[in-house]
Amino acid sequence: MSSYRVAQVGAVGAPFEIVEREVQRPGPGHVRIDVDACGICHSDAMFVGGALPGVRFPLVTGHEIAGRIAEVGEHTDSRWKVGDRVAVGWFGGSCHHCTPCREGDFVVCEQLKVPGWAYDGGFGATVIAPADALARIPDGLAAADAGPMACAGVTTYNGLRRSAARPGDLVAVLGLGGLGHLGVQFAAAMGFETVAIARGADKADFAKQLGAHHYVDSTAGTPVAEALQSLGGARVVLATAANSAAISATVDGLTHRGELVVIGADVEPLAITPTQLLMQARVVRGHPSGTAQDVQDTMEFCVLQGIRPMIETMPLDHANEAYGKMLAGTARFRMVLTHTEAGRAR
C-alpha cells in the first residue's frame, strides 16, 4: 500500500505530530482528494480539545479543504472526475434520512458529517469524502483561497444573503477577524451600506479598504448601539466576533424589525432582554455554515467580485506553529496549511 503524511493529534490537547498513514480506497459514493490546502478554523480547537461528543483520537482535523479528486469510488455521481478541483467544508456530507434532510435542509442534518469529526479532515495530504460534500472550485480561485471559503467564507456569505437585508440597507459587521474581514467585503459587494465594528481607531482605514462605508470603534466613548442608531439603525448586524458581550451590545443598534445574525461562537450567554426584542419586533437567530452548493456559490461570487481571503500559508510540517497563531489571534487573517508533492501518496 502507498502512504501519505498527516498532522495528527494523539490525545486531547496534545500537539500535532507528523505521521505516515496507508492510503485507503474510496467506497461507493465517495472520492479521494489530494489536498492542496486546508484552512485552520477556530472551531478546530473544539476538536483538538475534545470538546465535541464522539471525537476520536488520534485525530486529523481540518474542514476548509481544497484539492483535486485523485480517485472516484464505485456508484459515485458521474459528474465528478479525477482531476476535478473541489472544496469540502464544515458541511462534509449528510445522512439523507433525518427529518431536516427529508425537508431539504441538509446543513442542519442530525448526523452532519463534519471533516475531522465524522472522518479524517484536511490536515493530511489526502482525504476521503462523500460526493455530496463536494463543491467545484471555479477557475481563477487558488486552492489556498478556496479552502477558507468552505467554512469562513460560506458562513459569512450565506449569513448575509439569507438575512432580511436588501441592497441599500444599513448592514453592520461585528469583528474584523477571519470571518469579519470577509463579511465586510461581501456586504459591500452585495450593495449594502456597510458598517464595520471593531476594537480600536487604528482599524478604520483597514475597514474602509475592505469596502466599509462607516467604521465604529467599540472602545470609543459612544456605545456601539448609539453609533448605529446615529446612522439610521442597522437592518442587520452580522456578529462574527466570538464575544457574547460585544454581540449583545449591538442589539439596540438595530432598526425596527432588524435582525441580529450570530455566527461567532461563544459559550457565554447573550445579555438580551425580551423588551429589547418585543418593542421593535427585532429578531435574533443563529446561522450555520452552508451546503456544498452554498460553498460553490460563495466561491463563484468571490471570482465575480474579486473577493479573496487574507491568508498566511505554512507547510503541513509547521502545523503546530500555524495552529498556535490561530489560537493566539495573531493570524492575519486565516492560517492555511499547504501540501507539497513530497507529502503526496506514494
C-alpha atoms as a PDB file:
ATOM      1  CA  MET A   1       0.000   0.000   0.000  1.00  0.00           C
ATOM      2  CA  SER A   2       1.120   3.576  -0.668  1.00  0.00           C
ATOM      3  CA  SER A   3       1.301   6.048   2.201  1.00  0.00           C
ATOM      4  CA  TYR A   4       0.716   9.723   2.884  1.00  0.00           C
ATOM      5  CA  ARG A   5       1.505  12.225   5.646  1.00  0.00           C
ATOM      6  CA  VAL A   6      -0.883  13.733   8.176  1.00  0.00           C
ATOM      7  CA  ALA A   7      -0.582  16.122  11.095  1.00  0.00           C
ATOM      8  CA  GLN A   8      -2.439  14.291  13.831  1.00  0.00           C
ATOM      9  CA  VAL A   9      -3.215  14.915  17.494  1.00  0.00           C
ATOM     10  CA  GLY A  10      -2.617  11.797  19.574  1.00  0.00           C
ATOM     11  CA  ALA A  11      -4.671  12.763  22.633  1.00  0.00           C
ATOM     12  CA  VAL A  12      -6.852  15.603  23.936  1.00  0.00           C
ATOM     13  CA  GLY A  13      -4.875  18.848  23.842  1.00  0.00           C
ATOM     14  CA  ALA A  14      -1.691  17.203  22.563  1.00  0.00           C
ATOM     15  CA  PRO A  15       0.500  18.887  19.924  1.00  0.00           C
ATOM     16  CA  PHE A  16       0.360  17.919  16.272  1.00  0.00           C
ATOM     17  CA  GLU A  17       2.770  15.245  15.080  1.00  0.00           C
ATOM     18  CA  ILE A  18       3.575  14.266  11.506  1.00  0.00           C
ATOM     19  CA  VAL A  19       2.955  10.561  10.831  1.00  0.00           C
ATOM     20  CA  GLU A  20       2.580   8.291   7.828  1.00  0.00           C
ATOM     21  CA  ARG A  21      -0.697   6.518   7.089  1.00  0.00           C
ATOM     22  CA  GLU A  22      -1.699   3.998   4.459  1.00  0.00           C
ATOM     23  CA  VAL A  23      -3.794   5.290   1.597  1.00  0.00           C
ATOM     24  CA  GLN A  24      -7.316   3.842   1.555  1.00  0.00           C
ATOM     25  CA  ARG A  25      -9.600   3.386  -1.431  1.00  0.00           C
ATOM     26  CA  PRO A  26     -12.817   5.445  -1.544  1.00  0.00           C
ATOM     27  CA  GLY A  27     -16.000   3.440  -1.111  1.00  0.00           C
ATOM     28  CA  PRO A  28     -19.254   3.757  -3.065  1.00  0.00           C
ATOM     29  CA  GLY A  29     -20.436   7.349  -3.305  1.00  0.00           C
ATOM     30  CA  HIS A  30     -17.078   8.696  -2.114  1.00  0.00           C
ATOM     31  CA  VAL A  31     -13.966  10.236  -3.660  1.00  0.00           C
ATOM     32  CA  ARG A  32     -10.367  10.529  -2.535  1.00  0.00           C
ATOM     33  CA  ILE A  33      -8.989  14.072  -2.711  1.00  0.00           C
ATOM     34  CA  ASP A  34      -5.347  15.080  -2.942  1.00  0.00           C
ATOM     35  CA  VAL A  35      -5.330  18.076  -0.586  1.00  0.00           C
ATOM     36  CA  ASP A  36      -3.602  21.212  -1.866  1.00  0.00           C
ATOM     37  CA  ALA A  37      -4.542  23.469   1.046  1.00  0.00           C
ATOM     38  CA  CYS A  38      -6.566  23.443   4.251  1.00  0.00           C
ATOM     39  CA  GLY A  39      -7.536  26.474   6.303  1.00  0.00           C
ATOM     40  CA  ILE A  40      -7.338  26.452  10.092  1.00  0.00           C
ATOM     41  CA  CYS A  41     -10.636  27.439  11.693  1.00  0.00           C
ATOM     42  CA  HIS A  42     -11.109  28.418  15.339  1.00  0.00           C
ATOM     43  CA  SER A  43     -13.586  25.521  15.519  1.00  0.00           C
ATOM     44  CA  ASP A  44     -10.615  23.157  15.124  1.00  0.00           C
ATOM     45  CA  ALA A  45      -9.813  23.964  18.759  1.00  0.00           C
ATOM     46  CA  MET A  46     -13.040  22.216  19.788  1.00  0.00           C
ATOM     47  CA  PHE A  47     -11.821  19.062  18.081  1.00  0.00           C
ATOM     48  CA  VAL A  48      -8.280  19.208  19.448  1.00  0.00           C
ATOM     49  CA  GLY A  49      -9.636  19.966  22.911  1.00  0.00           C
ATOM     50  CA  GLY A  50     -12.079  17.056  22.795  1.00  0.00           C
ATOM     51  CA  ALA A  51     -14.997  19.409  23.399  1.00  0.00           C
ATOM     52  CA  LEU A  52     -17.317  17.701  20.915  1.00  0.00           C
ATOM     53  CA  PRO A  53     -19.022  14.368  21.594  1.00  0.00           C
ATOM     54  CA  GLY A  54     -17.665  11.404  19.660  1.00  0.00           C
ATOM     55  CA  VAL A  55     -14.351  12.987  18.612  1.00  0.00           C
ATOM     56  CA  ARG A  56     -11.833  10.151  18.310  1.00  0.00           C
ATOM     57  CA  PHE A  57      -8.072  10.196  18.833  1.00  0.00           C
ATOM     58  CA  PRO A  58      -5.648  10.108  17.152  1.00  0.00           C
ATOM     59  CA  LEU A  59      -7.341  12.997  15.378  1.00  0.00           C
ATOM     60  CA  VAL A  60      -6.837  14.552  11.952  1.00  0.00           C
ATOM     61  CA  THR A  61      -8.842  17.771  11.958  1.00  0.00           C
ATOM     62  CA  GLY A  62      -9.395  20.399   9.239  1.00  0.00           C
ATOM     63  CA  HIS A  63     -12.636  21.375   7.479  1.00  0.00           C
ATOM     64  CA  GLU A  64     -11.525  24.064   4.998  1.00  0.00           C
ATOM     65  CA  ILE A  65     -10.236  21.653   2.374  1.00  0.00           C
ATOM     66  CA  ALA A  66      -9.260  22.428  -1.215  1.00  0.00           C
ATOM     67  CA  GLY A  67      -7.695  19.931  -3.599  1.00  0.00           C
ATOM     68  CA  ARG A  68      -8.131  17.668  -6.603  1.00  0.00           C
ATOM     69  CA  ILE A  69     -10.008  14.405  -6.975  1.00  0.00           C
ATOM     70  CA  ALA A  70      -7.455  11.593  -7.157  1.00  0.00           C
ATOM     71  CA  GLU A  71      -9.801   8.590  -7.182  1.00  0.00           C
ATOM     72  CA  VAL A  72     -13.540   8.033  -7.559  1.00  0.00           C
ATOM     73  CA  GLY A  73     -15.363   5.242  -5.748  1.00  0.00           C
ATOM     74  CA  GLU A  74     -17.942   2.970  -7.354  1.00  0.00           C
ATOM     75  CA  HIS A  75     -21.505   4.179  -7.828  1.00  0.00           C
ATOM     76  CA  THR A  76     -20.452   7.812  -7.388  1.00  0.00           C
ATOM     77  CA  ASP A  77     -22.193  10.640  -9.229  1.00  0.00           C
ATOM     78  CA  SER A  78     -20.710  10.596 -12.731  1.00  0.00           C
ATOM     79  CA  ARG A  79     -20.300  14.377 -12.762  1.00  0.00           C
ATOM     80  CA  TRP A  80     -17.174  14.008 -10.597  1.00  0.00           C
ATOM     81  CA  LYS A  81     -13.976  13.059 -12.415  1.00  0.00           C
ATOM     82  CA  VAL A  82     -10.355  12.504 -11.476  1.00  0.00           C
ATOM     83  CA  GLY A  83      -8.577  15.848 -11.649  1.00  0.00           C
ATOM     84  CA  ASP A  84     -11.605  17.973 -10.730  1.00  0.00           C
ATOM     85  CA  ARG A  85     -10.752  20.793  -8.313  1.00  0.00           C
ATOM     86  CA  VAL A  86     -13.029  20.593  -5.284  1.00  0.00           C
ATOM     87  CA  ALA A  87     -13.533  22.040  -1.811  1.00  0.00           C
ATOM     88  CA  VAL A  88     -15.029  20.434   1.291  1.00  0.00           C
ATOM     89  CA  GLY A  89     -16.072  22.485   4.310  1.00  0.00           C
ATOM     90  CA  TRP A  90     -17.873  22.165   7.641  1.00  0.00           C
ATOM     91  CA  PHE A  91     -20.628  20.539   5.606  1.00  0.00           C
ATOM     92  CA  GLY A  92     -18.894  17.256   4.902  1.00  0.00           C
ATOM     93  CA  GLY A  93     -21.959  15.274   3.902  1.00  0.00           C
ATOM     94  CA  SER A  94     -25.396  14.461   5.296  1.00  0.00           C
ATOM     95  CA  CYS A  95     -27.365  11.341   6.195  1.00  0.00           C
ATOM     96  CA  HIS A  96     -30.259  11.987   3.722  1.00  0.00           C
ATOM     97  CA  HIS A  97     -32.669  10.268   6.139  1.00  0.00           C
ATOM     98  CA  CYS A  98     -33.328  12.531   9.155  1.00  0.00           C
ATOM     99  CA  THR A  99     -36.233  14.995   9.184  1.00  0.00           C
ATOM    100  CA  PRO A 100     -34.117  18.066   8.234  1.00  0.00           C
ATOM    101  CA  CYS A 101     -32.626  16.140   5.293  1.00  0.00           C
ATOM    102  CA  ARG A 102     -36.078  14.950   4.181  1.00  0.00           C
ATOM    103  CA  GLU A 103     -37.102  18.612   4.242  1.00  0.00           C
ATOM    104  CA  GLY A 104     -34.077  19.537   2.114  1.00  0.00           C
ATOM    105  CA  ASP A 105     -32.354  21.389   4.968  1.00  0.00           C
ATOM    106  CA  PHE A 106     -29.127  19.407   4.748  1.00  0.00           C
ATOM    107  CA  VAL A 107     -26.840  21.779   6.646  1.00  0.00           C
ATOM    108  CA  VAL A 108     -28.691  21.065   9.905  1.00  0.00           C
ATOM    109  CA  CYS A 109     -28.646  17.305   9.329  1.00  0.00           C
ATOM    110  CA  GLU A 110     -28.926  15.480  12.658  1.00  0.00           C
ATOM    111  CA  GLN A 111     -25.895  13.384  11.667  1.00  0.00           C
ATOM    112  CA  LEU A 112     -23.891  16.026   9.811  1.00  0.00           C
ATOM    113  CA  LYS A 113     -20.545  14.598   8.633  1.00  0.00           C
ATOM    114  CA  VAL A 114     -18.063  17.282   9.621  1.00  0.00           C
ATOM    115  CA  PRO A 115     -14.471  16.521   8.460  1.00  0.00           C
ATOM    116  CA  GLY A 116     -12.283  15.827  11.475  1.00  0.00           C
ATOM    117  CA  TRP A 117     -15.337  14.586  13.359  1.00  0.00           C
ATOM    118  CA  ALA A 118     -17.049  12.050  11.107  1.00  0.00           C
ATOM    119  CA  TYR A 119     -13.881  11.239   9.138  1.00  0.00           C
ATOM    120  CA  ASP A 120     -10.278  12.422   8.804  1.00  0.00           C
ATOM    121  CA  GLY A 121     -10.008  16.080   7.871  1.00  0.00           C
ATOM    122  CA  GLY A 122      -7.689  18.160   5.719  1.00  0.00           C
ATOM    123  CA  PHE A 123      -4.593  18.266   7.938  1.00  0.00           C
ATOM    124  CA  GLY A 124      -3.287  15.485   5.735  1.00  0.00           C
ATOM    125  CA  ALA A 125      -2.209  15.025   2.148  1.00  0.00           C
ATOM    126  CA  THR A 126      -5.303  13.066   1.160  1.00  0.00           C
ATOM    127  CA  VAL A 127      -8.941  12.903   2.296  1.00  0.00           C
ATOM    128  CA  ILE A 128     -11.820  10.554   1.523  1.00  0.00           C
ATOM    129  CA  ALA A 129     -15.139  12.425   1.443  1.00  0.00           C
ATOM    130  CA  PRO A 130     -18.716  11.683   0.345  1.00  0.00           C
ATOM    131  CA  ALA A 131     -19.663  13.109  -3.036  1.00  0.00           C
ATOM    132  CA  ASP A 132     -22.481  15.250  -1.625  1.00  0.00           C
ATOM    133  CA  ALA A 133     -19.841  17.266   0.278  1.00  0.00           C
ATOM    134  CA  LEU A 134     -18.037  18.398  -2.886  1.00  0.00           C
ATOM    135  CA  ALA A 135     -18.080  21.982  -4.150  1.00  0.00           C
ATOM    136  CA  ARG A 136     -16.462  22.669  -7.503  1.00  0.00           C
ATOM    137  CA  ILE A 137     -13.695  25.276  -7.310  1.00  0.00           C
ATOM    138  CA  PRO A 138     -14.068  27.794 -10.149  1.00  0.00           C
ATOM    139  CA  ASP A 139     -11.217  28.742 -12.424  1.00  0.00           C
ATOM    140  CA  GLY A 140      -9.361  31.780 -11.160  1.00  0.00           C
ATOM    141  CA  LEU A 141      -9.549  30.829  -7.483  1.00  0.00           C
ATOM    142  CA  ALA A 142      -6.354  29.388  -5.996  1.00  0.00           C
ATOM    143  CA  ALA A 143      -6.580  26.420  -3.632  1.00  0.00           C
ATOM    144  CA  ALA A 144      -5.216  28.413  -0.688  1.00  0.00           C
ATOM    145  CA  ASP A 145      -8.005  30.974  -1.204  1.00  0.00           C
ATOM    146  CA  ALA A 146     -10.692  28.360  -1.846  1.00  0.00           C
ATOM    147  CA  GLY A 147     -10.110  26.424   1.387  1.00  0.00           C
ATOM    148  CA  PRO A 148     -11.235  29.204   3.779  1.00  0.00           C
ATOM    149  CA  MET A 149     -14.304  29.794   1.624  1.00  0.00           C
ATOM    150  CA  ALA A 150     -15.589  26.327   2.573  1.00  0.00           C
ATOM    151  CA  CYS A 151     -16.248  27.492   6.143  1.00  0.00           C
ATOM    152  CA  ALA A 152     -15.373  31.116   6.968  1.00  0.00           C
ATOM    153  CA  GLY A 153     -16.455  32.318   3.533  1.00  0.00           C
ATOM    154  CA  VAL A 154     -19.714  30.434   3.149  1.00  0.00           C
ATOM    155  CA  THR A 155     -20.780  31.218   6.716  1.00  0.00           C
ATOM    156  CA  THR A 156     -20.490  34.982   6.236  1.00  0.00           C
ATOM    157  CA  TYR A 157     -21.770  34.971   2.641  1.00  0.00           C
ATOM    158  CA  ASN A 158     -24.784  32.820   3.466  1.00  0.00           C
ATOM    159  CA  GLY A 159     -25.456  34.705   6.679  1.00  0.00           C
ATOM    160  CA  LEU A 160     -25.822  37.904   4.668  1.00  0.00           C
ATOM    161  CA  ARG A 161     -27.655  36.636   1.616  1.00  0.00           C
ATOM    162  CA  ARG A 162     -30.227  34.800   3.746  1.00  0.00           C
ATOM    163  CA  SER A 163     -30.745  37.774   6.053  1.00  0.00           C
ATOM    164  CA  ALA A 164     -33.501  40.378   5.999  1.00  0.00           C
ATOM    165  CA  ALA A 165     -31.214  42.976   4.380  1.00  0.00           C
ATOM    166  CA  ARG A 166     -31.743  44.248   0.866  1.00  0.00           C
ATOM    167  CA  PRO A 167     -29.415  46.389  -1.300  1.00  0.00           C
ATOM    168  CA  GLY A 168     -29.146  49.868   0.146  1.00  0.00           C
ATOM    169  CA  ASP A 169     -29.913  48.767   3.718  1.00  0.00           C
ATOM    170  CA  LEU A 170     -27.529  49.557   6.549  1.00  0.00           C
ATOM    171  CA  VAL A 171     -25.694  46.357   7.497  1.00  0.00           C
ATOM    172  CA  ALA A 172     -23.118  46.141  10.272  1.00  0.00           C
ATOM    173  CA  VAL A 173     -20.402  43.505  10.573  1.00  0.00           C
ATOM    174  CA  LEU A 174     -19.133  42.978  14.103  1.00  0.00           C
ATOM    175  CA  GLY A 175     -15.476  41.907  14.110  1.00  0.00           C
ATOM    176  CA  LEU A 176     -12.666  42.174  11.564  1.00  0.00           C
ATOM    177  CA  GLY A 177     -11.010  38.789  12.008  1.00  0.00           C
ATOM    178  CA  GLY A 178     -11.060  35.626   9.912  1.00  0.00           C
ATOM    179  CA  LEU A 179     -14.829  35.860   9.412  1.00  0.00           C
ATOM    180  CA  GLY A 180     -15.366  39.581   9.666  1.00  0.00           C
ATOM    181  CA  HIS A 181     -12.843  40.686   7.060  1.00  0.00           C
ATOM    182  CA  LEU A 182     -14.769  38.548   4.571  1.00  0.00           C
ATOM    183  CA  GLY A 183     -18.151  39.708   5.869  1.00  0.00           C
ATOM    184  CA  VAL A 184     -17.305  43.358   5.183  1.00  0.00           C
ATOM    185  CA  GLN A 185     -16.206  42.543   1.640  1.00  0.00           C
ATOM    186  CA  PHE A 186     -19.351  40.510   0.970  1.00  0.00           C
ATOM    187  CA  ALA A 187     -21.664  43.138   2.459  1.00  0.00           C
ATOM    188  CA  ALA A 188     -20.183  45.915   0.327  1.00  0.00           C
ATOM    189  CA  ALA A 189     -20.302  43.765  -2.829  1.00  0.00           C
ATOM    190  CA  MET A 190     -23.960  42.892  -2.157  1.00  0.00           C
ATOM    191  CA  GLY A 191     -24.876  46.564  -2.231  1.00  0.00           C
ATOM    192  CA  PHE A 192     -25.380  47.162   1.484  1.00  0.00           C
ATOM    193  CA  GLU A 193     -24.394  50.382   3.221  1.00  0.00           C
ATOM    194  CA  THR A 194     -21.711  48.645   5.237  1.00  0.00           C
ATOM    195  CA  VAL A 195     -20.589  49.376   8.775  1.00  0.00           C
ATOM    196  CA  ALA A 196     -17.539  47.654  10.250  1.00  0.00           C
ATOM    197  CA  ILE A 197     -17.375  47.384  14.044  1.00  0.00           C
ATOM    198  CA  ALA A 198     -14.093  46.521  15.756  1.00  0.00           C
ATOM    199  CA  ARG A 199     -11.849  47.473  18.656  1.00  0.00           C
ATOM    200  CA  GLY A 200      -9.573  50.497  18.199  1.00  0.00           C
ATOM    201  CA  ALA A 201      -9.473  53.568  15.984  1.00  0.00           C
ATOM    202  CA  ASP A 202      -6.461  52.163  14.138  1.00  0.00           C
ATOM    203  CA  LYS A 203      -8.655  49.684  12.218  1.00  0.00           C
ATOM    204  CA  ALA A 204     -10.706  52.371  10.493  1.00  0.00           C
ATOM    205  CA  ASP A 205      -8.521  52.657   7.386  1.00  0.00           C
ATOM    206  CA  PHE A 206      -8.354  48.884   7.004  1.00  0.00           C
ATOM    207  CA  ALA A 207     -12.145  48.625   7.238  1.00  0.00           C
ATOM    208  CA  LYS A 208     -12.517  51.246   4.508  1.00  0.00           C
ATOM    209  CA  GLN A 209     -10.028  49.330   2.329  1.00  0.00           C
ATOM    210  CA  LEU A 210     -12.275  46.268   2.645  1.00  0.00           C
ATOM    211  CA  GLY A 211     -15.210  48.338   1.398  1.00  0.00           C
ATOM    212  CA  ALA A 212     -16.869  49.583   4.588  1.00  0.00           C
ATOM    213  CA  HIS A 213     -18.704  52.911   4.288  1.00  0.00           C
ATOM    214  CA  HIS A 214     -18.554  53.537   8.034  1.00  0.00           C
ATOM    215  CA  TYR A 215     -16.404  52.406  10.936  1.00  0.00           C
ATOM    216  CA  VAL A 216     -17.417  52.128  14.595  1.00  0.00           C
ATOM    217  CA  ASP A 217     -14.731  51.803  17.239  1.00  0.00           C
ATOM    218  CA  SER A 218     -16.299  49.703  20.003  1.00  0.00           C
ATOM    219  CA  THR A 219     -13.779  51.069  22.530  1.00  0.00           C
ATOM    220  CA  ALA A 220     -14.732  54.716  21.915  1.00  0.00           C
ATOM    221  CA  GLY A 221     -16.888  56.745  24.275  1.00  0.00           C
ATOM    222  CA  THR A 222     -20.038  56.362  22.164  1.00  0.00           C
ATOM    223  CA  PRO A 223     -21.772  52.995  22.734  1.00  0.00           C
ATOM    224  CA  VAL A 224     -21.976  50.793  19.645  1.00  0.00           C
ATOM    225  CA  ALA A 225     -25.793  50.773  19.620  1.00  0.00           C
ATOM    226  CA  GLU A 226     -25.904  54.568  19.788  1.00  0.00           C
ATOM    227  CA  ALA A 227     -23.384  54.830  16.942  1.00  0.00           C
ATOM    228  CA  LEU A 228     -25.517  52.539  14.770  1.00  0.00           C
ATOM    229  CA  GLN A 229     -28.679  54.489  15.551  1.00  0.00           C
ATOM    230  CA  SER A 230     -26.924  57.726  14.569  1.00  0.00           C
ATOM    231  CA  LEU A 231     -26.530  56.156  11.121  1.00  0.00           C
ATOM    232  CA  GLY A 232     -30.232  55.301  10.985  1.00  0.00           C
ATOM    233  CA  GLY A 233     -30.212  51.891  12.668  1.00  0.00           C
ATOM    234  CA  ALA A 234     -28.961  48.631  11.197  1.00  0.00           C
ATOM    235  CA  ARG A 235     -31.304  46.374   9.287  1.00  0.00           C
ATOM    236  CA  VAL A 236     -28.884  43.516  10.007  1.00  0.00           C
ATOM    237  CA  VAL A 237     -25.933  43.004  12.309  1.00  0.00           C
ATOM    238  CA  LEU A 238     -23.726  40.089  11.279  1.00  0.00           C
ATOM    239  CA  ALA A 239     -21.972  39.130  14.506  1.00  0.00           C
ATOM    240  CA  THR A 240     -18.715  37.411  13.582  1.00  0.00           C
ATOM    241  CA  ALA A 241     -16.859  38.174  16.831  1.00  0.00           C
ATOM    242  CA  ALA A 242     -16.887  35.281  19.324  1.00  0.00           C
ATOM    243  CA  ASN A 243     -17.741  37.603  22.199  1.00  0.00           C
ATOM    244  CA  SER A 244     -21.225  37.487  23.724  1.00  0.00           C
ATOM    245  CA  ALA A 245     -20.876  40.865  25.447  1.00  0.00           C
ATOM    246  CA  ALA A 246     -19.873  42.565  22.190  1.00  0.00           C
ATOM    247  CA  ILE A 247     -22.726  40.836  20.347  1.00  0.00           C
ATOM    248  CA  SER A 248     -25.282  41.870  22.968  1.00  0.00           C
ATOM    249  CA  ALA A 249     -24.119  45.490  22.751  1.00  0.00           C
ATOM    250  CA  THR A 250     -25.326  45.745  19.148  1.00  0.00           C
ATOM    251  CA  VAL A 251     -28.981  44.803  19.704  1.00  0.00           C
ATOM    252  CA  ASP A 252     -30.266  48.298  20.476  1.00  0.00           C
ATOM    253  CA  GLY A 253     -28.488  49.466  17.326  1.00  0.00           C
ATOM    254  CA  LEU A 254     -30.953  47.521  15.175  1.00  0.00           C
ATOM    255  CA  THR A 255     -33.772  49.341  13.447  1.00  0.00           C
ATOM    256  CA  HIS A 256     -37.407  48.198  13.774  1.00  0.00           C
ATOM    257  CA  ARG A 257     -37.704  44.571  12.681  1.00  0.00           C
ATOM    258  CA  GLY A 258     -33.925  44.483  12.485  1.00  0.00           C
ATOM    259  CA  GLU A 259     -32.103  41.166  12.611  1.00  0.00           C
ATOM    260  CA  LEU A 260     -29.096  40.026  14.625  1.00  0.00           C
ATOM    261  CA  VAL A 261     -27.396  37.144  12.787  1.00  0.00           C
ATOM    262  CA  VAL A 262     -25.000  35.316  15.105  1.00  0.00           C
ATOM    263  CA  ILE A 263     -22.160  33.324  13.547  1.00  0.00           C
ATOM    264  CA  GLY A 264     -19.399  33.967  16.116  1.00  0.00           C
ATOM    265  CA  ALA A 265     -19.363  31.081  18.626  1.00  0.00           C
ATOM    266  CA  ASP A 266     -19.061  31.850  22.338  1.00  0.00           C
ATOM    267  CA  VAL A 267     -20.098  29.675  25.290  1.00  0.00           C
ATOM    268  CA  GLU A 268     -21.241  32.661  27.373  1.00  0.00           C
ATOM    269  CA  PRO A 269     -24.953  33.604  27.201  1.00  0.00           C
ATOM    270  CA  LEU A 270     -26.142  36.696  25.362  1.00  0.00           C
ATOM    271  CA  ALA A 271     -27.374  39.537  27.598  1.00  0.00           C
ATOM    272  CA  ILE A 272     -30.577  40.424  25.743  1.00  0.00           C
ATOM    273  CA  THR A 273     -33.908  41.211  27.389  1.00  0.00           C
ATOM    274  CA  PRO A 274     -37.294  40.325  25.887  1.00  0.00           C
ATOM    275  CA  THR A 275     -38.198  44.017  25.928  1.00  0.00           C
ATOM    276  CA  GLN A 276     -35.315  44.825  23.577  1.00  0.00           C
ATOM    277  CA  LEU A 277     -36.845  42.440  21.048  1.00  0.00           C
ATOM    278  CA  LEU A 278     -40.569  42.987  21.636  1.00  0.00           C
ATOM    279  CA  MET A 279     -40.874  46.748  21.367  1.00  0.00           C
ATOM    280  CA  GLN A 280     -39.130  46.948  17.977  1.00  0.00           C
ATOM    281  CA  ALA A 281     -40.058  43.445  16.719  1.00  0.00           C
ATOM    282  CA  ARG A 282     -36.373  42.533  16.417  1.00  0.00           C
ATOM    283  CA  VAL A 283     -35.104  39.065  15.564  1.00  0.00           C
ATOM    284  CA  VAL A 284     -32.093  37.115  16.823  1.00  0.00           C
ATOM    285  CA  ARG A 285     -31.033  33.979  15.001  1.00  0.00           C
ATOM    286  CA  GLY A 286     -28.064  31.690  14.690  1.00  0.00           C
ATOM    287  CA  HIS A 287     -26.732  30.817  11.278  1.00  0.00           C
ATOM    288  CA  PRO A 288     -24.790  27.645  10.449  1.00  0.00           C
ATOM    289  CA  SER A 289     -22.335  27.222   7.598  1.00  0.00           C
ATOM    290  CA  GLY A 290     -23.792  26.090   4.278  1.00  0.00           C
ATOM    291  CA  THR A 291     -24.165  23.113   1.976  1.00  0.00           C
ATOM    292  CA  ALA A 292     -21.728  22.164  -0.759  1.00  0.00           C
ATOM    293  CA  GLN A 293     -23.817  24.167  -3.241  1.00  0.00           C
ATOM    294  CA  ASP A 294     -23.643  27.171  -0.914  1.00  0.00           C
ATOM    295  CA  VAL A 295     -19.846  26.813  -0.805  1.00  0.00           C
ATOM    296  CA  GLN A 296     -19.748  26.708  -4.595  1.00  0.00           C
ATOM    297  CA  ASP A 297     -21.989  29.789  -4.798  1.00  0.00           C
ATOM    298  CA  THR A 298     -19.658  31.594  -2.390  1.00  0.00           C
ATOM    299  CA  MET A 299     -16.564  30.813  -4.439  1.00  0.00           C
ATOM    300  CA  GLU A 300     -18.237  31.869  -7.680  1.00  0.00           C
ATOM    301  CA  PHE A 301     -19.308  35.154  -6.084  1.00  0.00           C
ATOM    302  CA  CYS A 302     -15.717  35.713  -4.957  1.00  0.00           C
ATOM    303  CA  VAL A 303     -14.427  35.285  -8.503  1.00  0.00           C
ATOM    304  CA  LEU A 304     -17.158  37.557  -9.868  1.00  0.00           C
ATOM    305  CA  GLN A 305     -16.464  40.337  -7.345  1.00  0.00           C
ATOM    306  CA  GLY A 306     -12.704  39.898  -6.913  1.00  0.00           C
ATOM    307  CA  ILE A 307     -13.035  38.975  -3.230  1.00  0.00           C
ATOM    308  CA  ARG A 308     -10.258  36.969  -1.591  1.00  0.00           C
ATOM    309  CA  PRO A 309      -9.464  35.985   1.992  1.00  0.00           C
ATOM    310  CA  MET A 310      -6.373  37.462   3.596  1.00  0.00           C
ATOM    311  CA  ILE A 311      -4.266  34.408   4.381  1.00  0.00           C
ATOM    312  CA  GLU A 312      -0.910  33.270   5.659  1.00  0.00           C
ATOM    313  CA  THR A 313       0.298  29.908   4.373  1.00  0.00           C
ATOM    314  CA  MET A 314       2.547  27.381   6.072  1.00  0.00           C
ATOM    315  CA  PRO A 315       3.538  23.840   5.082  1.00  0.00           C
ATOM    316  CA  LEU A 316       1.999  20.864   6.886  1.00  0.00           C
ATOM    317  CA  ASP A 317       5.229  20.382   8.854  1.00  0.00           C
ATOM    318  CA  HIS A 318       4.507  23.708  10.587  1.00  0.00           C
ATOM    319  CA  ALA A 319       1.025  22.709  11.760  1.00  0.00           C
ATOM    320  CA  ASN A 320       1.810  23.484  15.408  1.00  0.00           C
ATOM    321  CA  GLU A 321       3.086  26.962  14.595  1.00  0.00           C
ATOM    322  CA  ALA A 322       0.137  27.741  12.328  1.00  0.00           C
ATOM    323  CA  TYR A 323      -2.399  26.408  14.841  1.00  0.00           C
ATOM    324  CA  GLY A 324      -0.728  28.421  17.603  1.00  0.00           C
ATOM    325  CA  LYS A 325      -1.045  31.645  15.606  1.00  0.00           C
ATOM    326  CA  MET A 326      -4.735  30.959  15.101  1.00  0.00           C
ATOM    327  CA  LEU A 327      -5.260  30.374  18.825  1.00  0.00           C
ATOM    328  CA  ALA A 328      -3.302  33.473  19.776  1.00  0.00           C
ATOM    329  CA  GLY A 329      -5.292  35.643  17.393  1.00  0.00           C
ATOM    330  CA  THR A 330      -2.147  36.779  15.577  1.00  0.00           C
ATOM    331  CA  ALA A 331      -3.125  35.324  12.182  1.00  0.00           C
ATOM    332  CA  ARG A 332      -3.886  37.984   9.552  1.00  0.00           C
ATOM    333  CA  PHE A 333      -6.452  36.646   8.991  1.00  0.00           C
ATOM    334  CA  ARG A 334      -6.608  32.957   8.100  1.00  0.00           C
ATOM    335  CA  MET A 335      -3.853  30.404   8.536  1.00  0.00           C
ATOM    336  CA  VAL A 336      -3.731  27.882   5.687  1.00  0.00           C
ATOM    337  CA  LEU A 337      -1.709  24.668   5.614  1.00  0.00           C
ATOM    338  CA  THR A 338      -0.322  23.728   2.206  1.00  0.00           C
ATOM    339  CA  HIS A 339       0.880  20.397   0.873  1.00  0.00           C
ATOM    340  CA  THR A 340       3.830  19.685  -1.407  1.00  0.00           C
ATOM    341  CA  GLU A 341       4.239  16.824  -3.819  1.00  0.00           C
ATOM    342  CA  ALA A 342       6.739  15.274  -1.401  1.00  0.00           C
ATOM    343  CA  GLY A 343       3.894  14.667   1.034  1.00  0.00           C
ATOM    344  CA  ARG A 344       1.565  13.083  -1.519  1.00  0.00           C
ATOM    345  CA  ALA A 345       0.533   9.470  -1.552  1.00  0.00           C
ATOM    346  CA  ARG A 346       3.435   7.313  -2.629  1.00  0.00           C
END
